[in-house]
Amino acid sequence: MDGRKRSNIKPGLRVNIVMKEDQRTGYLTEGYVQDILTNSPNHPHGIKVRLETGEVGRVKEILPEL
């Protein structure tokens, strides 16, 4: 699924995000979506979310459930 479309992202979904400070390196952080912060239906760099751990970043990958 595409992390650039808001309709694909729901709270509780397991995702990889890139945080602002990691954009240059492309380092991904894995976690579960707590809040969706982007209001527009899509975003070219990924929908911005807050993970349950409090980290904020843009969704790069939507991961399958374990």
N, C-alpha and C. Protein backbone atom coordinates (compact mmCIF):
# COMPACT_ATOMS: atom_id res chain seq x y z
N MET A 1 0.84 -1.20 0.00
CA MET A 1 0.00 0.00 0.00
C MET A 1 0.88 1.25 0.00
N ASP A 2 0.27 2.33 -0.43
CA ASP A 2 0.99 3.58 -0.66
C ASP A 2 0.91 4.49 0.57
N GLY A 3 2.07 4.87 1.12
CA GLY A 3 2.12 5.76 2.28
C GLY A 3 1.86 7.21 1.94
N ARG A 4 1.62 7.51 0.64
CA ARG A 4 1.36 8.89 0.23
C ARG A 4 -0.13 9.19 0.19
N LYS A 5 -0.98 8.18 0.41
CA LYS A 5 -2.43 8.37 0.39
C LYS A 5 -2.98 8.25 1.81
N ARG A 6 -3.66 9.30 2.26
CA ARG A 6 -4.19 9.33 3.62
C ARG A 6 -5.21 8.22 3.86
N SER A 7 -5.97 7.84 2.82
CA SER A 7 -7.00 6.82 2.97
C SER A 7 -6.43 5.44 3.29
N ASN A 8 -5.13 5.22 3.02
CA ASN A 8 -4.50 3.93 3.30
C ASN A 8 -4.02 3.81 4.74
N ILE A 9 -4.03 4.90 5.49
CA ILE A 9 -3.40 4.93 6.81
C ILE A 9 -4.46 5.06 7.90
N LYS A 10 -4.39 4.16 8.87
CA LYS A 10 -5.34 4.14 9.98
C LYS A 10 -4.56 4.01 11.28
N PRO A 11 -5.09 4.53 12.39
CA PRO A 11 -4.44 4.32 13.69
C PRO A 11 -4.30 2.83 13.99
N GLY A 12 -3.16 2.46 14.55
CA GLY A 12 -2.89 1.06 14.87
C GLY A 12 -2.14 0.31 13.79
N LEU A 13 -1.98 0.93 12.62
CA LEU A 13 -1.27 0.30 11.50
C LEU A 13 0.23 0.31 11.76
N ARG A 14 0.92 -0.78 11.39
CA ARG A 14 2.38 -0.87 11.55
C ARG A 14 3.04 -0.27 10.31
N VAL A 15 3.91 0.72 10.51
CA VAL A 15 4.52 1.46 9.39
C VAL A 15 6.00 1.72 9.65
N ASN A 16 6.71 2.06 8.58
CA ASN A 16 8.05 2.63 8.67
C ASN A 16 7.92 4.10 8.30
N ILE A 17 8.50 4.97 9.14
CA ILE A 17 8.48 6.41 8.85
C ILE A 17 9.91 6.93 8.74
N VAL A 18 10.05 8.06 8.08
CA VAL A 18 11.33 8.78 8.11
C VAL A 18 11.07 10.07 8.88
N MET A 19 11.84 10.27 9.96
CA MET A 19 11.70 11.47 10.77
C MET A 19 12.47 12.61 10.12
N LYS A 20 12.13 13.85 10.47
CA LYS A 20 12.74 15.04 9.86
C LYS A 20 14.27 14.98 9.92
N GLU A 21 14.82 14.61 11.07
CA GLU A 21 16.27 14.60 11.23
C GLU A 21 16.94 13.45 10.47
N ASP A 22 16.14 12.47 10.02
CA ASP A 22 16.69 11.32 9.29
C ASP A 22 16.47 11.42 7.77
N GLN A 23 15.93 12.53 7.29
CA GLN A 23 15.61 12.63 5.86
C GLN A 23 16.85 12.52 4.98
N ARG A 24 17.98 13.06 5.42
CA ARG A 24 19.21 12.99 4.62
C ARG A 24 19.74 11.57 4.51
N THR A 25 19.65 10.82 5.62
CA THR A 25 20.19 9.45 5.63
C THR A 25 19.18 8.44 5.13
N GLY A 26 17.89 8.77 5.22
CA GLY A 26 16.86 7.83 4.81
C GLY A 26 16.59 6.75 5.85
N TYR A 27 17.11 6.93 7.08
CA TYR A 27 16.91 5.96 8.16
C TYR A 27 15.42 5.87 8.49
N LEU A 28 14.90 4.64 8.55
CA LEU A 28 13.49 4.41 8.81
C LEU A 28 13.26 3.97 10.25
N THR A 29 12.17 4.44 10.83
CA THR A 29 11.77 4.09 12.18
C THR A 29 10.46 3.32 12.10
N GLU A 30 10.42 2.15 12.71
CA GLU A 30 9.22 1.32 12.67
C GLU A 30 8.36 1.57 13.90
N GLY A 31 7.04 1.55 13.71
CA GLY A 31 6.15 1.72 14.84
C GLY A 31 4.70 1.64 14.41
N TYR A 32 3.82 1.91 15.37
CA TYR A 32 2.38 1.84 15.14
C TYR A 32 1.79 3.25 15.15
N VAL A 33 0.92 3.54 14.18
CA VAL A 33 0.32 4.87 14.03
C VAL A 33 -0.60 5.17 15.21
N GLN A 34 -0.39 6.34 15.84
CA GLN A 34 -1.31 6.82 16.88
C GLN A 34 -2.23 7.89 16.29
N ASP A 35 -1.64 8.89 15.61
CA ASP A 35 -2.42 9.99 15.04
C ASP A 35 -1.95 10.26 13.62
N ILE A 36 -2.90 10.68 12.77
CA ILE A 36 -2.57 11.13 11.42
C ILE A 36 -2.53 12.65 11.46
N LEU A 37 -1.39 13.24 11.07
CA LEU A 37 -1.21 14.69 11.20
C LEU A 37 -1.45 15.45 9.90
N THR A 38 -1.36 14.78 8.75
CA THR A 38 -1.60 15.43 7.46
C THR A 38 -3.10 15.46 7.19
N ASN A 39 -3.62 16.64 6.83
CA ASN A 39 -5.05 16.77 6.56
C ASN A 39 -5.41 16.52 5.10
N SER A 40 -4.47 16.76 4.18
CA SER A 40 -4.79 16.61 2.76
C SER A 40 -4.91 15.12 2.40
N PRO A 41 -5.65 14.78 1.35
CA PRO A 41 -5.86 13.36 1.00
C PRO A 41 -4.60 12.64 0.53
N ASN A 42 -3.61 13.39 0.04
CA ASN A 42 -2.34 12.76 -0.31
C ASN A 42 -1.21 13.77 -0.19
N HIS A 43 0.03 13.24 -0.13
CA HIS A 43 1.21 14.10 0.00
C HIS A 43 2.35 13.40 -0.71
N PRO A 44 3.10 14.13 -1.56
CA PRO A 44 4.14 13.48 -2.38
C PRO A 44 5.27 12.85 -1.58
N HIS A 45 5.51 13.31 -0.34
CA HIS A 45 6.61 12.77 0.46
C HIS A 45 6.13 11.80 1.53
N GLY A 46 4.84 11.53 1.58
CA GLY A 46 4.28 10.62 2.58
C GLY A 46 3.42 11.36 3.59
N ILE A 47 2.42 10.67 4.10
CA ILE A 47 1.52 11.25 5.09
C ILE A 47 2.24 11.35 6.43
N LYS A 48 2.14 12.51 7.08
CA LYS A 48 2.80 12.71 8.38
C LYS A 48 1.94 12.09 9.48
N VAL A 49 2.59 11.28 10.32
CA VAL A 49 1.90 10.61 11.42
C VAL A 49 2.71 10.73 12.71
N ARG A 50 2.02 10.50 13.83
CA ARG A 50 2.68 10.36 15.14
C ARG A 50 2.55 8.90 15.53
N LEU A 51 3.67 8.28 15.89
CA LEU A 51 3.65 6.90 16.34
C LEU A 51 3.25 6.83 17.80
N GLU A 52 2.93 5.62 18.28
CA GLU A 52 2.55 5.43 19.68
C GLU A 52 3.69 5.81 20.62
N THR A 53 4.93 5.81 20.11
CA THR A 53 6.10 6.19 20.92
C THR A 53 6.28 7.71 20.97
N GLY A 54 5.47 8.47 20.19
CA GLY A 54 5.56 9.92 20.18
C GLY A 54 6.41 10.47 19.04
N GLU A 55 7.08 9.59 18.29
CA GLU A 55 7.91 10.04 17.18
C GLU A 55 7.02 10.47 16.01
N VAL A 56 7.44 11.53 15.32
CA VAL A 56 6.67 12.08 14.21
C VAL A 56 7.49 11.99 12.93
N GLY A 57 6.84 11.54 11.85
CA GLY A 57 7.53 11.46 10.57
C GLY A 57 6.56 11.13 9.46
N ARG A 58 7.11 10.98 8.26
CA ARG A 58 6.29 10.69 7.08
C ARG A 58 6.36 9.21 6.75
N VAL A 59 5.20 8.63 6.43
CA VAL A 59 5.10 7.19 6.14
C VAL A 59 5.81 6.88 4.82
N LYS A 60 6.76 5.96 4.89
CA LYS A 60 7.47 5.48 3.70
C LYS A 60 7.01 4.09 3.31
N GLU A 61 6.64 3.28 4.28
CA GLU A 61 6.18 1.92 4.02
C GLU A 61 5.05 1.56 4.97
N ILE A 62 4.06 0.85 4.46
CA ILE A 62 3.02 0.27 5.31
C ILE A 62 3.37 -1.21 5.41
N LEU A 63 3.59 -1.68 6.63
CA LEU A 63 4.07 -3.04 6.86
C LEU A 63 2.93 -3.99 7.13
N PRO A 64 3.09 -5.28 6.76
CA PRO A 64 2.04 -6.26 7.08
C PRO A 64 1.98 -6.49 8.59
N GLU A 65 0.81 -6.84 9.08
CA GLU A 65 0.66 -7.15 10.51
C GLU A 65 1.42 -8.41 10.84
N LEU A 66 1.95 -8.48 12.04
CA LEU A 66 2.69 -9.66 12.48
C LEU A 66 1.76 -10.78 12.88
